[in-house]
Amino acid sequence: MKRFIFILLLLTQVWALSLSKTVSGPELIDINENIDVSLIISSDEAVYLEKLEDVIPTHFIAENYPSSCQQTEDTLVCIFGQEMQGQIVIDYSLLALGNGYGMMGSPKLFYEGGMKTIDFFRQYFIGKPRIEMSLDGDLTLLPGENISVLVSLRNPGTKSIDEASLVLNFDDQIISHLVSLSPGEIIEELFILGEAESKGYLKILAEISWGNESRTNEMTVVFISPSLSISRDVKVKWNLDENKELQKYVEVSYKLYNNGTALGNISMLSGESFSVSPGELKTITKTYSETAPVEKISVKDSRGVLYGVHPFEEMTPEIKKGFFVLIYEYVASEISPWILFGIFIGALYFSKKFKGSNLKAGFLLLALISLLLLYSYYSVGAISMPGFGPKDVSNSISLQFPKNLSGDLFS
C-alpha cells in the first residue's frame, strides 16, 4: 500500500510539472546576429528540481544566461538542487558564429525521481543570401586589344537568389544580364566591351541587384601606346692616333625619347635592338671613319605591332677643326702637359702671394691660359681630367684608329 501511495505521489508531481521552450527571431539570420531562447518550468505541486539541459546548436554559442547556468561544449546546463512550486523562467540568447543550417532540439528537465522533456524542433539558417562581386581584367591595353571584363559572383549565404540583375555601365552604354545563384555557388561571366583606343581610358561600373539589396564595383582600363621621338646628330671629332697625330672621326648620336605610355621596342638597320620605357631617354653613340651611313629605326610595341619607321640618310659632315683642336695642334702640342700643369699651379700660387692688382691679374690670366691649353689636350683625348673622365670614346673606338673606325656606345 505504501509503495502504491509513493508512486501515486510521483505521478502527481509529473502531471503537475510542465516544461516549454520558445525561440524568438527569424529562421534566417546572419553571422554575429542573435536569437532569443526562453525556457519555462511550471509546477502546481512542490517538486525537487535537479538540473535543466538545453542543447546548443552547432553554429552558435550561448550568451546572457543566468549565473546558475553553465555552458559546456554543446549544452547549456542550469543547476537547481532545490524544491520549487510555481514558475521558473530561464532566458538566454544564441550568437551565430558561422554560416550553416540545422535544427534546434528539445530541453531536458531532471527532477527527483525522473526526467521530463518535450518535442521541440525548429529550423535555423545562418547566412542571408547575398552576392559578392569582383571584377578582373587587364587594366592597361594597347590599341586594338579587346576590352574584356570577367565578373565573378558568389553567394556565401544559405539560401538561393533567383534572377539577380547584373548591369555593366561604360562609355554611355549598358549591358544587362540576369543570374541565379544557389548557396555557395560561384558564377563567372566574361564580357567583351569593344577594342582599346590609342589613348585615354574607360571606366566600367558594375552593379548587381537582388530584392532590396545591391552591390557595386568598378574598374578603370587605361589605353597605352609607345610614342618615340628620335633625333640624330652627326659631328666630326678628333683624337690622337698611335703616332700622336690628329685623326678625325665621325660621331653619330641618336636620341630616343619615349613620351608615350607603353614600352617601345626599337630595332635598327645596323642590327641593334633594345627597349625604351615610358618617359625614358636613351642615347646611342656610333662612330665611323668618314660617313654616317643610312639608318632606319623601327618602333614596335610588345606585341610586335609596328608604330613607325624613322629613316636617316647617309651623311658626310664638313671637316672642321674646333677651337680647342686648333689650340692643341698649333700651340699646346709643343708644350708638355706637365709643364702646363706646373704653370697653372704656380700662377695660382703667385696670384695669392703678390698683393699688387696688376701682378695678381697677370698671374690669373696666365693660369687661365694654361688651363685652356690643358683642356685642349683633353679635347683630343691626350689626357684625362679629374671629374670629367677619359675623353670621348670607348675602347673599341680607340683600338680601331685610324682605319675602319666604327663602334657603339649605349647610355
Protein backbone atom coordinates (compact mmCIF):
# COMPACT_ATOMS: atom_id res chain seq x y z
CA MET A 1 0.00 0.00 0.00
CA LYS A 2 2.83 2.44 0.88
CA ARG A 3 4.59 1.69 -2.42
CA PHE A 4 1.38 2.49 -4.27
CA ILE A 5 1.00 5.79 -2.44
CA PHE A 6 4.66 6.76 -3.25
CA ILE A 7 4.19 6.01 -6.94
CA LEU A 8 0.98 7.98 -6.93
CA LEU A 9 2.78 10.96 -5.41
CA LEU A 10 5.46 10.80 -8.09
CA LEU A 11 2.89 10.65 -10.83
CA THR A 12 1.09 13.59 -9.31
CA GLN A 13 4.34 15.59 -9.46
CA VAL A 14 4.92 14.61 -13.07
CA TRP A 15 1.39 15.58 -14.07
CA ALA A 16 1.72 18.89 -12.24
CA LEU A 17 5.16 19.69 -13.82
CA SER A 18 5.32 21.34 -17.26
CA LEU A 19 8.22 22.48 -19.49
CA SER A 20 8.11 24.77 -22.53
CA LYS A 21 10.64 26.34 -24.93
CA THR A 22 10.22 29.44 -27.07
CA VAL A 23 12.67 30.76 -29.69
CA SER A 24 12.21 34.34 -30.84
CA GLY A 25 13.61 35.70 -34.08
CA PRO A 26 13.63 34.82 -37.77
CA GLU A 27 14.75 31.44 -39.05
CA LEU A 28 17.26 33.13 -41.36
CA ILE A 29 19.92 35.28 -39.69
CA ASP A 30 23.47 36.40 -40.41
CA ILE A 31 26.74 35.76 -38.65
CA ASN A 32 27.07 37.75 -35.38
CA GLU A 33 23.31 38.09 -35.06
CA ASN A 34 21.34 36.76 -32.06
CA ILE A 35 18.18 34.83 -31.46
CA ASP A 36 16.49 34.64 -28.03
CA VAL A 37 15.54 31.45 -26.17
CA SER A 38 13.12 31.20 -23.24
CA LEU A 39 12.67 28.05 -21.13
CA ILE A 40 9.73 27.97 -18.71
CA ILE A 41 9.27 25.45 -15.89
CA SER A 42 5.87 25.36 -14.13
CA SER A 43 4.51 23.18 -11.35
CA ASP A 44 1.31 23.30 -9.28
CA GLU A 45 2.83 20.92 -6.75
CA ALA A 46 6.10 21.14 -4.87
CA VAL A 47 8.81 19.28 -6.80
CA TYR A 48 12.53 18.90 -6.24
CA LEU A 49 14.45 20.06 -9.37
CA GLU A 50 17.99 18.87 -10.08
CA LYS A 51 19.05 20.47 -13.38
CA LEU A 52 17.90 21.65 -16.81
CA GLU A 53 19.82 20.90 -20.03
CA ASP A 54 19.31 22.56 -23.41
CA VAL A 55 21.37 21.61 -26.47
CA ILE A 56 23.32 24.48 -28.11
CA PRO A 57 23.21 24.09 -31.92
CA THR A 58 26.50 23.58 -33.74
CA HIS A 59 26.74 27.07 -35.25
CA PHE A 60 26.01 29.02 -32.03
CA ILE A 61 27.32 29.88 -28.60
CA ALA A 62 25.09 30.78 -25.64
CA GLU A 63 25.14 34.28 -24.15
CA ASN A 64 23.38 36.26 -21.40
CA TYR A 65 22.31 33.21 -19.40
CA PRO A 66 21.72 33.24 -15.60
CA SER A 67 24.62 32.72 -13.23
CA SER A 68 23.18 29.36 -12.16
CA CYS A 69 23.78 28.06 -15.68
CA GLN A 70 26.99 26.93 -17.31
CA GLN A 71 27.85 26.41 -20.95
CA THR A 72 29.65 23.24 -21.96
CA GLU A 73 30.85 22.38 -25.48
CA ASP A 74 27.33 21.76 -26.81
CA THR A 75 24.91 22.14 -23.88
CA LEU A 76 23.62 24.83 -21.53
CA VAL A 77 23.30 23.26 -18.07
CA CYS A 78 21.33 25.03 -15.30
CA ILE A 79 21.70 23.58 -11.77
CA PHE A 80 18.78 23.91 -9.30
CA GLY A 81 19.16 21.45 -6.38
CA GLN A 82 16.05 22.77 -4.67
CA GLU A 83 12.35 22.28 -4.34
CA MET A 84 10.07 24.59 -6.29
CA GLN A 85 6.41 25.29 -6.78
CA GLY A 86 5.20 27.86 -9.26
CA GLN A 87 7.25 29.01 -12.24
CA ILE A 88 10.90 29.41 -13.19
CA VAL A 89 11.95 31.25 -16.39
CA ILE A 90 15.39 30.78 -17.95
CA ASP A 91 16.18 33.35 -20.67
CA TYR A 92 19.34 33.38 -22.79
CA SER A 93 20.44 34.18 -26.31
CA LEU A 94 22.31 32.34 -29.07
CA LEU A 95 25.02 34.13 -31.07
CA ALA A 96 25.58 32.88 -34.63
CA LEU A 97 29.27 32.11 -35.34
CA GLY A 98 29.36 30.76 -38.89
CA ASN A 99 27.33 30.02 -42.00
CA GLY A 100 25.21 26.89 -41.89
CA TYR A 101 21.83 25.45 -41.06
CA GLY A 102 20.31 22.87 -38.74
CA MET A 103 17.67 22.15 -36.11
CA MET A 104 17.19 23.37 -32.56
CA GLY A 105 16.35 20.49 -30.23
CA SER A 106 14.40 19.79 -27.06
CA PRO A 107 15.42 20.67 -23.49
CA LYS A 108 15.60 18.07 -20.70
CA LEU A 109 14.48 18.74 -17.12
CA PHE A 110 15.83 16.41 -14.41
CA TYR A 111 13.91 16.23 -11.14
CA GLU A 112 13.88 13.88 -8.17
CA GLY A 113 12.83 10.55 -9.48
CA GLY A 114 12.74 11.27 -13.19
CA MET A 115 13.33 13.38 -16.31
CA LYS A 116 10.90 15.42 -18.39
CA THR A 117 11.32 16.62 -21.99
CA ILE A 118 9.20 17.98 -24.82
CA ASP A 119 9.08 17.60 -28.58
CA PHE A 120 10.64 20.81 -29.83
CA PHE A 121 12.21 21.26 -33.26
CA ARG A 122 12.92 24.48 -35.13
CA GLN A 123 14.96 25.11 -38.26
CA TYR A 124 17.62 27.79 -38.47
CA PHE A 125 19.68 29.20 -41.34
CA ILE A 126 22.78 31.31 -40.79
CA GLY A 127 23.98 33.37 -43.75
CA LYS A 128 21.49 35.56 -45.52
CA PRO A 129 21.57 35.21 -49.28
CA ARG A 130 23.80 37.93 -50.71
CA ILE A 131 26.14 38.37 -53.62
CA GLU A 132 29.84 39.12 -53.51
CA MET A 133 31.13 40.58 -56.75
CA SER A 134 34.63 41.14 -58.16
CA LEU A 135 35.88 42.45 -61.50
CA ASP A 136 39.01 41.21 -63.23
CA GLY A 137 40.74 42.07 -66.48
CA ASP A 138 43.77 43.83 -67.97
CA LEU A 139 43.98 47.36 -66.62
CA THR A 140 46.25 48.57 -69.45
CA LEU A 141 45.63 47.79 -73.10
CA LEU A 142 47.42 48.51 -76.35
CA PRO A 143 45.44 49.88 -79.31
CA GLY A 144 43.12 47.30 -80.85
CA GLU A 145 43.20 44.85 -77.94
CA ASN A 146 39.87 43.58 -76.62
CA ILE A 147 38.46 45.27 -73.54
CA SER A 148 37.42 42.25 -71.51
CA VAL A 149 35.90 42.16 -68.03
CA LEU A 150 35.47 38.96 -66.03
CA VAL A 151 32.67 39.40 -63.48
CA SER A 152 32.81 36.88 -60.60
CA LEU A 153 29.67 36.44 -58.48
CA ARG A 154 29.36 34.35 -55.30
CA ASN A 155 26.50 33.63 -52.92
CA PRO A 156 28.02 32.91 -49.47
CA GLY A 157 24.54 32.63 -47.92
CA THR A 158 22.45 29.56 -47.13
CA LYS A 159 19.52 30.24 -49.49
CA SER A 160 19.27 30.74 -53.24
CA ILE A 161 18.95 34.05 -55.07
CA ASP A 162 16.84 33.99 -58.21
CA GLU A 163 17.12 36.40 -61.14
CA ALA A 164 19.53 38.94 -59.73
CA SER A 165 20.11 41.80 -62.17
CA LEU A 166 23.69 42.44 -63.29
CA VAL A 167 24.25 45.75 -65.10
CA LEU A 168 27.51 46.98 -66.68
CA ASN A 169 27.69 50.69 -67.42
CA PHE A 170 30.55 52.03 -69.60
CA ASP A 171 31.05 54.83 -72.11
CA ASP A 172 27.31 55.68 -72.16
CA GLN A 173 26.48 52.05 -72.90
CA ILE A 174 24.64 49.49 -70.77
CA ILE A 175 24.75 45.69 -70.71
CA SER A 176 22.11 43.87 -68.60
CA HIS A 177 22.15 40.23 -67.54
CA LEU A 178 20.09 38.06 -65.16
CA VAL A 179 21.77 35.49 -62.91
CA SER A 180 20.62 33.00 -60.25
CA LEU A 181 22.89 31.70 -57.52
CA SER A 182 22.48 28.70 -55.24
CA PRO A 183 24.03 28.73 -51.73
CA GLY A 184 27.83 28.76 -52.07
CA GLU A 185 27.68 28.92 -55.88
CA ILE A 186 30.22 30.93 -57.91
CA ILE A 187 29.42 32.22 -61.40
CA GLU A 188 31.90 33.88 -63.76
CA GLU A 189 30.68 35.93 -66.74
CA LEU A 190 33.08 37.28 -69.40
CA PHE A 191 32.08 40.46 -71.24
CA ILE A 192 33.88 41.94 -74.27
CA LEU A 193 33.21 45.68 -74.31
CA GLY A 194 35.00 46.61 -77.54
CA GLU A 195 38.57 47.44 -78.59
CA ALA A 196 41.09 49.72 -76.94
CA GLU A 197 41.85 53.09 -78.46
CA SER A 198 45.30 54.62 -78.88
CA LYS A 199 44.95 56.78 -75.78
CA GLY A 200 42.56 57.64 -72.97
CA TYR A 201 40.75 55.36 -70.54
CA LEU A 202 37.45 53.58 -69.97
CA LYS A 203 35.65 53.50 -66.62
CA ILE A 204 33.46 50.43 -66.06
CA LEU A 205 30.79 50.38 -63.33
CA ALA A 206 29.13 47.07 -62.40
CA GLU A 207 26.02 46.72 -60.20
CA ILE A 208 24.28 43.55 -59.05
CA SER A 209 20.78 43.90 -57.52
CA TRP A 210 18.50 41.39 -55.79
CA GLY A 211 15.47 42.02 -53.62
CA ASN A 212 16.06 45.29 -51.82
CA GLU A 213 19.84 44.95 -51.83
CA SER A 214 22.61 45.72 -54.29
CA ARG A 215 26.39 45.74 -54.62
CA THR A 216 28.62 47.83 -56.88
CA ASN A 217 32.18 47.57 -58.12
CA GLU A 218 34.22 49.42 -60.69
CA MET A 219 37.45 49.26 -62.66
CA THR A 220 39.27 51.62 -64.99
CA VAL A 221 41.10 50.46 -68.10
CA VAL A 222 43.86 52.73 -69.42
CA PHE A 223 44.75 52.72 -73.12
CA ILE A 224 48.51 52.84 -73.66
CA SER A 225 50.87 53.03 -76.64
CA PRO A 226 54.53 53.87 -77.28
CA SER A 227 55.36 57.23 -78.86
CA LEU A 228 59.01 57.76 -79.79
CA SER A 229 60.68 60.99 -80.81
CA ILE A 230 64.03 60.23 -82.46
CA SER A 231 66.76 62.67 -83.50
CA ARG A 232 70.23 62.22 -84.98
CA ASP A 233 73.28 64.44 -84.52
CA VAL A 234 76.37 63.99 -86.73
CA LYS A 235 79.67 65.62 -85.72
CA VAL A 236 83.30 65.50 -86.72
CA LYS A 237 85.60 64.83 -83.77
CA TRP A 238 89.33 64.46 -83.34
CA ASN A 239 91.60 62.19 -81.40
CA LEU A 240 95.23 61.20 -81.36
CA ASP A 241 96.34 58.06 -83.14
CA GLU A 242 99.17 55.79 -82.05
CA ASN A 243 101.71 58.21 -83.58
CA LYS A 244 100.28 61.15 -81.62
CA GLU A 245 98.91 62.62 -84.85
CA LEU A 246 95.44 64.16 -85.02
CA GLN A 247 92.94 61.72 -86.54
CA LYS A 248 89.36 62.72 -87.40
CA TYR A 249 86.29 60.50 -86.96
CA VAL A 250 82.55 60.93 -87.38
CA GLU A 251 80.42 60.60 -84.26
CA VAL A 252 76.70 59.88 -84.74
CA SER A 253 74.38 60.25 -81.76
CA TYR A 254 70.77 59.07 -81.75
CA LYS A 255 68.47 60.33 -79.01
CA LEU A 256 65.29 58.35 -78.45
CA TYR A 257 62.66 59.65 -76.06
CA ASN A 258 59.51 57.68 -75.31
CA ASN A 259 56.82 60.22 -74.45
CA GLY A 260 54.13 57.56 -74.73
CA THR A 261 52.57 55.30 -72.10
CA ALA A 262 53.83 51.88 -73.19
CA LEU A 263 57.18 50.17 -73.70
CA GLY A 264 58.70 50.79 -77.15
CA ASN A 265 60.80 48.05 -78.75
CA ILE A 266 63.45 49.50 -81.05
CA SER A 267 65.26 47.79 -83.90
CA MET A 268 67.91 49.43 -86.09
CA LEU A 269 69.01 48.61 -89.60
CA SER A 270 72.56 48.27 -88.30
CA GLY A 271 71.45 45.37 -86.08
CA GLU A 272 70.86 46.77 -82.61
CA SER A 273 67.61 46.13 -80.72
CA PHE A 274 66.55 47.36 -77.30
CA SER A 275 63.58 48.76 -75.39
CA VAL A 276 62.70 52.26 -74.24
CA SER A 277 60.37 52.58 -71.27
CA PRO A 278 57.74 55.33 -70.98
CA GLY A 279 59.43 58.58 -70.02
CA GLU A 280 62.93 57.20 -70.72
CA LEU A 281 65.56 59.00 -72.80
CA LYS A 282 68.13 56.71 -74.37
CA THR A 283 71.21 57.92 -76.26
CA ILE A 284 73.10 55.74 -78.72
CA THR A 285 76.51 56.84 -79.97
CA LYS A 286 78.14 55.30 -83.04
CA THR A 287 81.45 56.19 -84.66
CA TYR A 288 82.61 55.94 -88.25
CA SER A 289 85.75 56.93 -90.13
CA GLU A 290 84.20 59.22 -92.79
CA THR A 291 80.45 59.00 -93.30
CA ALA A 292 77.31 58.40 -91.24
CA PRO A 293 75.55 55.59 -93.16
CA VAL A 294 71.87 55.15 -93.93
CA GLU A 295 69.92 54.12 -90.85
CA LYS A 296 66.33 53.03 -90.24
CA ILE A 297 64.89 52.86 -86.73
CA SER A 298 61.67 50.87 -86.28
CA VAL A 299 59.35 51.26 -83.30
CA LYS A 300 57.10 48.37 -82.21
CA ASP A 301 55.02 47.60 -79.15
CA SER A 302 55.29 44.48 -77.00
CA ARG A 303 53.09 42.53 -79.46
CA GLY A 304 55.36 43.34 -82.38
CA VAL A 305 52.91 45.79 -83.94
CA LEU A 306 54.79 48.44 -85.94
CA TYR A 307 54.26 52.06 -84.92
CA GLY A 308 56.56 53.68 -87.45
CA VAL A 309 59.95 53.74 -89.17
CA HIS A 310 62.33 56.68 -88.78
CA PRO A 311 64.75 56.88 -91.76
CA PHE A 312 68.05 58.78 -91.79
CA GLU A 313 70.02 59.38 -94.99
CA GLU A 314 73.73 58.89 -95.48
CA MET A 315 75.61 61.98 -94.39
CA THR A 316 79.22 63.13 -94.74
CA PRO A 317 79.79 66.14 -92.49
CA GLU A 318 82.07 69.04 -93.36
CA ILE A 319 85.56 68.53 -91.99
CA LYS A 320 86.25 71.23 -89.41
CA LYS A 321 88.61 71.57 -86.54
CA GLY A 322 87.15 73.12 -83.43
CA PHE A 323 88.70 75.88 -81.36
CA PHE A 324 90.37 73.58 -78.83
CA VAL A 325 91.58 71.20 -81.53
CA LEU A 326 93.32 74.14 -83.27
CA ILE A 327 94.81 75.33 -79.97
CA TYR A 328 96.20 71.84 -79.38
CA GLU A 329 97.53 71.50 -82.94
CA TYR A 330 99.32 74.83 -83.13
CA VAL A 331 100.20 75.65 -79.51
CA ALA A 332 99.64 73.07 -76.80
CA SER A 333 101.15 70.09 -78.62
CA GLU A 334 104.53 71.79 -78.42
CA ILE A 335 104.36 72.07 -74.63
CA SER A 336 104.35 69.15 -72.20
CA PRO A 337 101.08 68.89 -70.25
CA TRP A 338 103.16 68.56 -67.08
CA ILE A 339 104.75 71.93 -67.79
CA LEU A 340 101.31 73.45 -68.41
CA PHE A 341 100.06 71.97 -65.17
CA GLY A 342 103.09 73.42 -63.31
CA ILE A 343 102.49 76.83 -64.84
CA PHE A 344 98.82 76.66 -63.78
CA ILE A 345 99.68 75.77 -60.15
CA GLY A 346 102.48 78.32 -59.98
CA ALA A 347 100.35 81.13 -61.44
CA LEU A 348 97.62 80.44 -58.88
CA TYR A 349 100.19 80.45 -56.07
CA PHE A 350 101.80 83.76 -57.09
CA SER A 351 98.39 85.39 -57.71
CA LYS A 352 97.78 84.95 -54.00
CA LYS A 353 101.34 85.78 -52.98
CA PHE A 354 101.56 89.21 -54.64
CA LYS A 355 99.21 91.94 -53.48
CA GLY A 356 99.56 94.26 -56.47
CA SER A 357 96.45 94.24 -58.62
CA ASN A 358 98.35 94.22 -61.91
CA LEU A 359 100.58 91.33 -60.91
CA LYS A 360 97.63 89.44 -59.48
CA ALA A 361 95.64 89.91 -62.71
CA GLY A 362 98.64 88.84 -64.80
CA PHE A 363 99.15 85.61 -62.88
CA LEU A 364 95.42 84.81 -63.02
CA LEU A 365 95.46 85.36 -66.79
CA LEU A 366 98.47 83.05 -67.08
CA ALA A 367 96.61 80.40 -65.03
CA LEU A 368 93.59 80.71 -67.34
CA ILE A 369 95.71 80.35 -70.50
CA SER A 370 97.50 77.28 -69.14
CA LEU A 371 94.12 75.78 -68.18
CA LEU A 372 92.77 76.33 -71.71
CA LEU A 373 95.84 74.65 -73.16
CA LEU A 374 95.39 71.71 -70.77
CA TYR A 375 91.76 71.41 -71.83
CA SER A 376 92.84 71.24 -75.46
CA TYR A 377 94.80 68.09 -74.54
CA TYR A 378 91.61 66.71 -73.03
CA SER A 379 89.56 67.61 -76.11
CA VAL A 380 91.66 65.37 -78.33
CA GLY A 381 91.90 62.56 -75.81
CA ALA A 382 95.55 63.13 -74.97
CA ILE A 383 94.86 63.31 -71.21
CA SER A 384 92.00 62.69 -68.80
CA MET A 385 90.87 65.28 -66.30
CA PRO A 386 89.58 64.72 -62.77
CA GLY A 387 85.80 64.92 -62.69
CA PHE A 388 85.48 64.59 -66.46
CA GLY A 389 86.63 61.02 -67.03
CA PRO A 390 88.60 59.90 -70.06
CA LYS A 391 87.88 61.89 -73.14
CA ASP A 392 85.43 60.79 -75.64
CA VAL A 393 85.07 57.25 -76.78
CA SER A 394 85.04 53.60 -75.80
CA ASN A 395 87.93 51.18 -76.02
CA SER A 396 86.52 49.71 -79.22
CA ILE A 397 86.88 53.08 -80.93
CA SER A 398 90.38 53.88 -79.80
CA LEU A 399 91.56 50.42 -80.83
CA GLN A 400 90.26 50.96 -84.35
CA PHE A 401 92.06 54.20 -85.10
CA PRO A 402 92.85 55.15 -87.79
CA LYS A 403 91.20 52.58 -90.14
CA ASN A 404 87.64 51.17 -90.36
CA LEU A 405 86.53 53.23 -87.42
CA SER A 406 83.18 52.05 -86.05
CA GLY A 407 81.70 51.29 -82.67
CA ASP A 408 78.74 51.76 -80.30
CA LEU A 409 78.14 53.47 -77.01
CA PHE A 410 74.83 52.99 -75.19
CA SER A 411 73.75 55.23 -72.36
